[in-house]
Amino acid sequence: MGFFDQFANVIEWEEFRDDVLFWKWSNKEIKKGSRLIIKPGQDAIFLYNGKIEGIFKDEGSFDVETEIIPFLSTLKGFKFGFNSGIRAEVLFINTKEVLVKWGTKSPVLIPSLGLPGGMPIRAFGTFNCKIDDYDILIEKIAGIKRQYTIEDVKERIISMLDQLLMKWITREGKDIFNLQINANEIGQGIMEDLDMEMQKIGIGITSFSISNFNYPEEVQKMAEKVAAQSMIGNINTYQQVAMADVMSKGSQNTASDMAGMAMGMAMGQQMVNQMQNNINNIQQNQSSRPKFCPECGTKCEGGKFCSNCGTKLF
């Protein structure tokens, strides 16, 4: 060990973890013989008096005096003396894009016709994020925190999700009973809004996906029963029988059972109405089609164009 090496130290992210977006090396003096170690997936930012002095992106081991100090903005002339040093901070940045799983903490009430309280829906999925703007990150977050984890990001995201889900399901959810059809459009809208908000702290949201939507179990079961019954008979009769069945059980949770059943029946009724509208539209389209081509008189076979002369039929 050289004479000055006894004053040296190693500047590195000692316990680098993928679930931490940045970690700050601080409260130590950098002296002659000190070395900076940058590992794969890291950037190192030298800070002095809270300002960025230099950003180093190449991985490897570097001598601070000869390979780092000469490139710092205001410290180029700094010379290490026998027993002198400089108290600075080094912010290590995780440059990787990180995948995060998310889920709503409680059901989000989505406005729905026939359900005064709204449709209670939970959603689950993933998003990707990475640090995007070092200056904003240092100003908003790194100045007051030594590290920032994926859990910190997730907590911030979850706090905004209820309102964004309500906004984009209402806007893009064409079928409240099958939101998965529009999951891509809903997720894209949420991603753009989340990215705009997270950019305020220097973090970018690069993707956001919804893997599935969940309805409350009792509501889903009741809706399935109502939908099945509606295909074979009178839904009003089924509702009356189901109501009597709940009351006859004498359940201690009769109020909640009744509420869940009422919501389920409302959902089922909406499904029945939707199916009936589709049937009516099909029947209307079929009845309005001509039986013979108006141009050549050829009998129509149900297509959109005449098989003989090609005239558009409807």
Protein backbone atom coordinates (compact mmCIF):
# COMPACT_ATOMS: atom_id res chain seq x y z
CA MET A 1 0.00 0.00 0.00
CA GLY A 2 1.38 3.42 -1.00
CA PHE A 3 1.74 6.26 1.46
CA PHE A 4 -1.34 8.07 0.10
CA ASP A 5 -3.38 4.88 -0.33
CA GLN A 6 -4.14 4.85 3.38
CA PHE A 7 -6.34 7.90 2.75
CA ALA A 8 -7.98 6.44 -0.37
CA ASN A 9 -11.46 4.97 -0.65
CA VAL A 10 -13.50 3.14 -3.27
CA ILE A 11 -16.49 4.93 -4.71
CA GLU A 12 -18.99 2.30 -5.86
CA TRP A 13 -22.59 1.12 -5.57
CA GLU A 14 -21.86 -1.50 -2.95
CA GLU A 15 -25.08 -3.51 -3.18
CA PHE A 16 -26.42 -2.85 -6.66
CA ARG A 17 -30.02 -4.08 -7.02
CA ASP A 18 -32.34 -4.00 -10.03
CA ASP A 19 -35.24 -2.81 -7.88
CA VAL A 20 -33.41 0.42 -6.92
CA LEU A 21 -33.44 3.25 -9.46
CA PHE A 22 -30.66 5.29 -7.87
CA TRP A 23 -28.32 5.20 -4.86
CA LYS A 24 -26.21 8.02 -3.45
CA TRP A 25 -22.64 7.62 -2.22
CA SER A 26 -22.10 10.49 0.22
CA ASN A 27 -20.64 11.81 3.48
CA LYS A 28 -17.15 10.60 2.68
CA GLU A 29 -14.06 12.49 1.55
CA ILE A 30 -12.52 11.72 -1.81
CA LYS A 31 -8.76 11.69 -1.43
CA LYS A 32 -5.62 10.87 -3.35
CA GLY A 33 -5.69 7.30 -4.61
CA SER A 34 -9.50 7.02 -4.53
CA ARG A 35 -11.09 5.02 -7.33
CA LEU A 36 -14.50 5.12 -8.98
CA ILE A 37 -16.02 1.77 -9.96
CA ILE A 38 -18.93 1.75 -12.42
CA LYS A 39 -20.65 -1.58 -13.00
CA PRO A 40 -22.75 -2.65 -16.03
CA GLY A 41 -26.16 -0.96 -16.07
CA GLN A 42 -24.94 2.07 -14.11
CA ASP A 43 -24.08 5.73 -14.66
CA ALA A 44 -22.19 7.75 -12.05
CA ILE A 45 -22.92 11.45 -11.47
CA PHE A 46 -20.50 13.59 -9.43
CA LEU A 47 -22.31 16.24 -7.38
CA TYR A 48 -20.66 19.16 -5.62
CA ASN A 49 -22.71 21.64 -3.61
CA GLY A 50 -25.85 20.04 -5.05
CA LYS A 51 -24.85 20.65 -8.69
CA ILE A 52 -23.83 18.18 -11.37
CA GLU A 53 -20.05 18.26 -11.94
CA GLY A 54 -19.82 15.42 -14.41
CA ILE A 55 -21.59 12.29 -15.68
CA PHE A 56 -19.65 9.09 -16.32
CA LYS A 57 -21.23 6.25 -18.31
CA ASP A 58 -18.39 3.83 -19.12
CA GLU A 59 -18.10 0.79 -16.90
CA GLY A 60 -14.79 0.02 -15.25
CA SER A 61 -12.42 1.19 -12.49
CA PHE A 62 -11.08 4.76 -12.71
CA ASP A 63 -8.49 6.71 -10.73
CA VAL A 64 -10.30 9.80 -9.39
CA GLU A 65 -7.29 12.12 -9.48
CA THR A 66 -6.14 11.39 -13.04
CA GLU A 67 -9.22 10.07 -14.82
CA ILE A 68 -12.17 11.80 -13.12
CA ILE A 69 -11.19 15.17 -11.64
CA PRO A 70 -9.84 16.57 -14.97
CA PHE A 71 -13.29 16.15 -16.50
CA LEU A 72 -15.35 17.76 -13.74
CA SER A 73 -16.80 21.14 -14.67
CA THR A 74 -15.65 23.38 -11.79
CA LEU A 75 -13.07 21.15 -10.11
CA LYS A 76 -10.54 20.78 -12.94
CA GLY A 77 -7.94 22.71 -10.98
CA PHE A 78 -8.43 20.77 -7.77
CA LYS A 79 -5.16 19.26 -6.54
CA PHE A 80 -4.97 16.61 -3.86
CA GLY A 81 -2.53 17.53 -1.11
CA PHE A 82 -0.88 15.36 1.51
CA ASN A 83 -3.82 15.28 3.87
CA SER A 84 -6.51 17.12 1.95
CA GLY A 85 -9.55 15.85 0.16
CA ILE A 86 -12.89 16.92 -1.20
CA ARG A 87 -16.27 16.09 0.26
CA ALA A 88 -18.54 15.38 -2.68
CA GLU A 89 -21.44 13.10 -3.53
CA VAL A 90 -21.69 10.50 -6.27
CA LEU A 91 -25.14 9.49 -7.50
CA PHE A 92 -25.27 6.05 -9.09
CA ILE A 93 -28.09 5.67 -11.62
CA ASN A 94 -29.68 2.36 -12.62
CA THR A 95 -29.89 2.73 -16.42
CA LYS A 96 -31.98 -0.40 -16.97
CA GLU A 97 -35.64 -0.37 -17.94
CA VAL A 98 -37.50 -2.06 -15.08
CA LEU A 99 -40.66 -4.17 -15.33
CA VAL A 100 -43.16 -3.63 -12.48
CA LYS A 101 -46.36 -5.52 -11.65
CA TRP A 102 -49.35 -3.45 -10.51
CA GLY A 103 -52.88 -4.00 -9.25
CA THR A 104 -55.66 -1.83 -7.90
CA LYS A 105 -55.91 -1.91 -4.11
CA SER A 106 -59.71 -1.83 -4.16
CA PRO A 107 -62.45 -1.92 -6.82
CA VAL A 108 -62.84 1.17 -8.98
CA LEU A 109 -66.47 2.24 -9.43
CA ILE A 110 -67.02 2.76 -13.16
CA PRO A 111 -70.22 4.62 -14.18
CA SER A 112 -72.67 2.17 -15.77
CA LEU A 113 -76.29 2.49 -16.90
CA GLY A 114 -78.66 0.85 -14.43
CA LEU A 115 -76.08 0.72 -11.62
CA PRO A 116 -76.40 3.92 -9.55
CA GLY A 117 -73.28 3.17 -7.53
CA GLY A 118 -71.23 2.23 -10.59
CA MET A 119 -69.67 -1.06 -11.68
CA PRO A 120 -66.98 -2.20 -9.18
CA ILE A 121 -63.97 -3.33 -11.20
CA ARG A 122 -60.42 -4.28 -10.28
CA ALA A 123 -57.56 -4.41 -12.77
CA PHE A 124 -54.05 -5.91 -12.90
CA GLY A 125 -51.09 -5.62 -15.23
CA THR A 126 -47.51 -4.42 -15.67
CA PHE A 127 -45.61 -1.27 -16.61
CA ASN A 128 -42.02 -0.43 -17.52
CA CYS A 129 -40.11 2.57 -16.23
CA LYS A 130 -36.62 4.05 -16.25
CA ILE A 131 -34.87 7.25 -15.19
CA ASP A 132 -35.22 9.71 -18.04
CA ASP A 133 -33.99 13.15 -16.89
CA TYR A 134 -31.07 13.35 -14.45
CA ASP A 135 -31.43 17.09 -13.77
CA ILE A 136 -35.10 16.84 -12.78
CA LEU A 137 -34.47 13.67 -10.76
CA ILE A 138 -31.73 15.38 -8.73
CA GLU A 139 -33.84 18.49 -8.18
CA LYS A 140 -37.05 16.70 -7.17
CA ILE A 141 -35.96 13.41 -5.60
CA ALA A 142 -32.23 12.79 -5.18
CA GLY A 143 -31.75 16.03 -3.26
CA ILE A 144 -33.80 14.67 -0.36
CA LYS A 145 -33.48 10.87 -0.68
CA ARG A 146 -30.43 8.63 -0.62
CA GLN A 147 -32.14 6.03 -2.80
CA TYR A 148 -35.36 5.55 -4.75
CA THR A 149 -36.84 2.09 -5.24
CA ILE A 150 -39.37 0.45 -7.52
CA GLU A 151 -41.75 0.29 -4.55
CA ASP A 152 -41.56 4.10 -4.33
CA VAL A 153 -42.46 4.35 -8.02
CA LYS A 154 -45.24 1.76 -7.66
CA GLU A 155 -46.76 3.60 -4.71
CA ARG A 156 -46.81 6.81 -6.71
CA ILE A 157 -48.37 5.07 -9.73
CA ILE A 158 -51.07 3.29 -7.68
CA SER A 159 -52.13 6.61 -6.13
CA MET A 160 -53.07 7.86 -9.61
CA LEU A 161 -54.53 4.68 -11.10
CA ASP A 162 -58.12 4.86 -9.83
CA GLN A 163 -58.83 8.17 -11.54
CA LEU A 164 -57.00 7.17 -14.73
CA LEU A 165 -58.79 3.82 -14.96
CA MET A 166 -62.13 5.56 -14.53
CA LYS A 167 -61.19 8.14 -17.16
CA TRP A 168 -59.97 5.72 -19.83
CA ILE A 169 -62.46 2.90 -19.23
CA THR A 170 -65.25 5.46 -19.61
CA ARG A 171 -63.61 6.79 -22.78
CA GLU A 172 -62.40 3.56 -24.44
CA GLY A 173 -64.38 0.76 -22.75
CA LYS A 174 -67.00 0.18 -25.44
CA ASP A 175 -68.37 -2.95 -23.72
CA ILE A 176 -68.45 -2.72 -19.91
CA PHE A 177 -68.94 -6.51 -19.75
CA ASN A 178 -65.84 -7.27 -21.81
CA LEU A 179 -63.28 -4.55 -21.17
CA GLN A 180 -60.46 -6.85 -22.26
CA ILE A 181 -61.41 -6.13 -25.87
CA ASN A 182 -60.34 -2.51 -25.37
CA ALA A 183 -57.52 -3.19 -22.89
CA ASN A 184 -54.84 -2.01 -25.34
CA GLU A 185 -56.52 1.36 -25.98
CA ILE A 186 -57.25 1.85 -22.26
CA GLY A 187 -53.65 0.96 -21.35
CA GLN A 188 -52.20 3.29 -23.99
CA GLY A 189 -54.20 6.23 -22.68
CA ILE A 190 -53.18 5.50 -19.08
CA MET A 191 -49.52 5.16 -20.08
CA GLU A 192 -49.48 8.60 -21.73
CA ASP A 193 -51.03 10.25 -18.67
CA LEU A 194 -48.72 8.42 -16.24
CA ASP A 195 -45.64 9.29 -18.28
CA MET A 196 -46.60 12.96 -18.29
CA GLU A 197 -46.95 12.92 -14.48
CA MET A 198 -43.82 10.87 -13.74
CA GLN A 199 -41.69 13.03 -16.05
CA LYS A 200 -42.17 15.73 -13.42
CA ILE A 201 -39.72 13.80 -11.22
CA GLY A 202 -37.45 12.65 -14.06
CA ILE A 203 -38.85 9.13 -14.54
CA GLY A 204 -40.35 7.88 -17.80
CA ILE A 205 -43.10 5.27 -18.23
CA THR A 206 -42.21 3.39 -21.41
CA SER A 207 -45.09 0.90 -21.47
CA PHE A 208 -48.29 0.08 -19.58
CA SER A 209 -50.42 -3.02 -20.08
CA ILE A 210 -53.59 -4.42 -18.51
CA SER A 211 -53.54 -8.21 -18.20
CA ASN A 212 -57.07 -8.62 -16.89
CA PHE A 213 -60.14 -6.94 -15.39
CA ASN A 214 -61.99 -8.52 -12.44
CA TYR A 215 -65.59 -8.07 -11.32
CA PRO A 216 -66.63 -8.93 -7.72
CA GLU A 217 -67.17 -12.68 -7.49
CA GLU A 218 -70.78 -12.53 -6.31
CA VAL A 219 -71.71 -10.05 -9.04
CA GLN A 220 -69.98 -12.10 -11.72
CA LYS A 221 -71.73 -15.30 -10.66
CA MET A 222 -75.12 -13.61 -10.55
CA ALA A 223 -74.57 -11.99 -13.95
CA GLU A 224 -73.69 -15.40 -15.42
CA LYS A 225 -76.84 -16.94 -13.97
CA VAL A 226 -79.01 -14.13 -15.25
CA ALA A 227 -77.42 -14.27 -18.70
CA ALA A 228 -77.91 -18.05 -18.88
CA GLN A 229 -81.52 -17.83 -17.74
CA SER A 230 -82.28 -15.06 -20.21
CA MET A 231 -81.45 -17.39 -23.08
CA ILE A 232 -84.04 -19.99 -22.11
CA GLY A 233 -86.91 -18.17 -20.48
CA ASN A 234 -88.49 -15.18 -18.82
CA ILE A 235 -85.86 -13.15 -16.92
CA ASN A 236 -88.51 -11.56 -14.69
CA THR A 237 -89.56 -15.00 -13.48
CA TYR A 238 -85.92 -15.85 -12.75
CA GLN A 239 -85.42 -12.64 -10.80
CA GLN A 240 -88.44 -13.37 -8.65
CA VAL A 241 -87.31 -16.93 -7.97
CA ALA A 242 -83.75 -15.81 -7.16
CA MET A 243 -85.03 -13.13 -4.78
CA ALA A 244 -87.22 -15.66 -2.96
CA ASP A 245 -84.28 -18.07 -2.78
CA VAL A 246 -82.08 -15.52 -1.02
CA MET A 247 -84.80 -14.59 1.46
CA SER A 248 -85.64 -18.21 2.23
CA LYS A 249 -82.05 -18.97 3.26
CA GLY A 250 -82.34 -16.55 6.17
CA SER A 251 -78.72 -15.52 5.68
CA GLN A 252 -77.14 -13.18 8.19
CA ASN A 253 -75.80 -11.26 5.23
CA THR A 254 -79.16 -10.90 3.50
CA ALA A 255 -78.65 -7.17 2.86
CA SER A 256 -75.32 -7.68 1.12
CA ASP A 257 -76.68 -10.73 -0.75
CA MET A 258 -79.64 -8.71 -1.97
CA ALA A 259 -77.41 -5.83 -3.04
CA GLY A 260 -75.07 -8.14 -4.92
CA MET A 261 -77.99 -9.93 -6.55
CA ALA A 262 -79.60 -6.65 -7.58
CA MET A 263 -76.37 -5.50 -9.16
CA GLY A 264 -75.93 -8.82 -10.89
CA MET A 265 -79.47 -8.74 -12.26
CA ALA A 266 -78.93 -5.20 -13.50
CA MET A 267 -75.79 -6.36 -15.27
CA GLY A 268 -77.63 -9.33 -16.71
CA GLN A 269 -80.50 -7.15 -17.89
CA GLN A 270 -78.06 -4.87 -19.67
CA MET A 271 -76.48 -7.90 -21.34
CA VAL A 272 -79.91 -9.15 -22.44
CA ASN A 273 -80.82 -5.72 -23.84
CA GLN A 274 -77.53 -5.55 -25.70
CA MET A 275 -78.06 -9.02 -27.19
CA GLN A 276 -81.62 -8.13 -28.21
CA ASN A 277 -80.44 -4.92 -29.88
CA ASN A 278 -77.89 -6.91 -31.87
CA ILE A 279 -80.56 -9.39 -32.96
CA ASN A 280 -82.93 -6.58 -33.96
CA ASN A 281 -80.18 -4.90 -36.00
CA ILE A 282 -79.42 -8.15 -37.82
CA GLN A 283 -83.10 -8.78 -38.54
CA GLN A 284 -83.57 -5.20 -39.72
CA ASN A 285 -80.60 -5.46 -42.08
CA GLN A 286 -81.86 -8.76 -43.47
CA SER A 287 -85.40 -7.46 -44.05
CA SER A 288 -84.14 -4.39 -45.88
CA ARG A 289 -82.07 -6.39 -48.37
CA PRO A 290 -83.60 -6.73 -51.90
CA LYS A 291 -84.54 -10.23 -53.09
CA PHE A 292 -83.64 -9.44 -56.70
CA CYS A 293 -80.94 -7.25 -58.24
CA PRO A 294 -82.49 -3.90 -59.26
CA GLU A 295 -80.20 -3.74 -62.34
CA CYS A 296 -80.32 -7.19 -63.92
CA GLY A 297 -83.08 -8.97 -61.96
CA THR A 298 -80.87 -11.83 -60.77
CA LYS A 299 -82.06 -13.47 -57.52
CA CYS A 300 -79.98 -12.29 -54.55
CA GLU A 301 -78.10 -14.88 -52.50
CA GLY A 302 -77.57 -12.76 -49.36
CA GLY A 303 -74.32 -11.07 -50.42
CA LYS A 304 -73.56 -7.36 -50.54
CA PHE A 305 -73.11 -7.39 -54.35
CA CYS A 306 -75.03 -8.99 -57.18
CA SER A 307 -73.36 -12.24 -58.28
CA ASN A 308 -74.22 -11.53 -61.94
CA CYS A 309 -73.53 -7.83 -62.58
CA GLY A 310 -71.73 -6.74 -59.40
CA THR A 311 -74.25 -4.03 -58.41
CA LYS A 312 -74.08 -3.09 -54.70
CA LEU A 313 -77.29 -4.32 -53.09
CA PHE A 314 -77.23 -2.53 -49.68
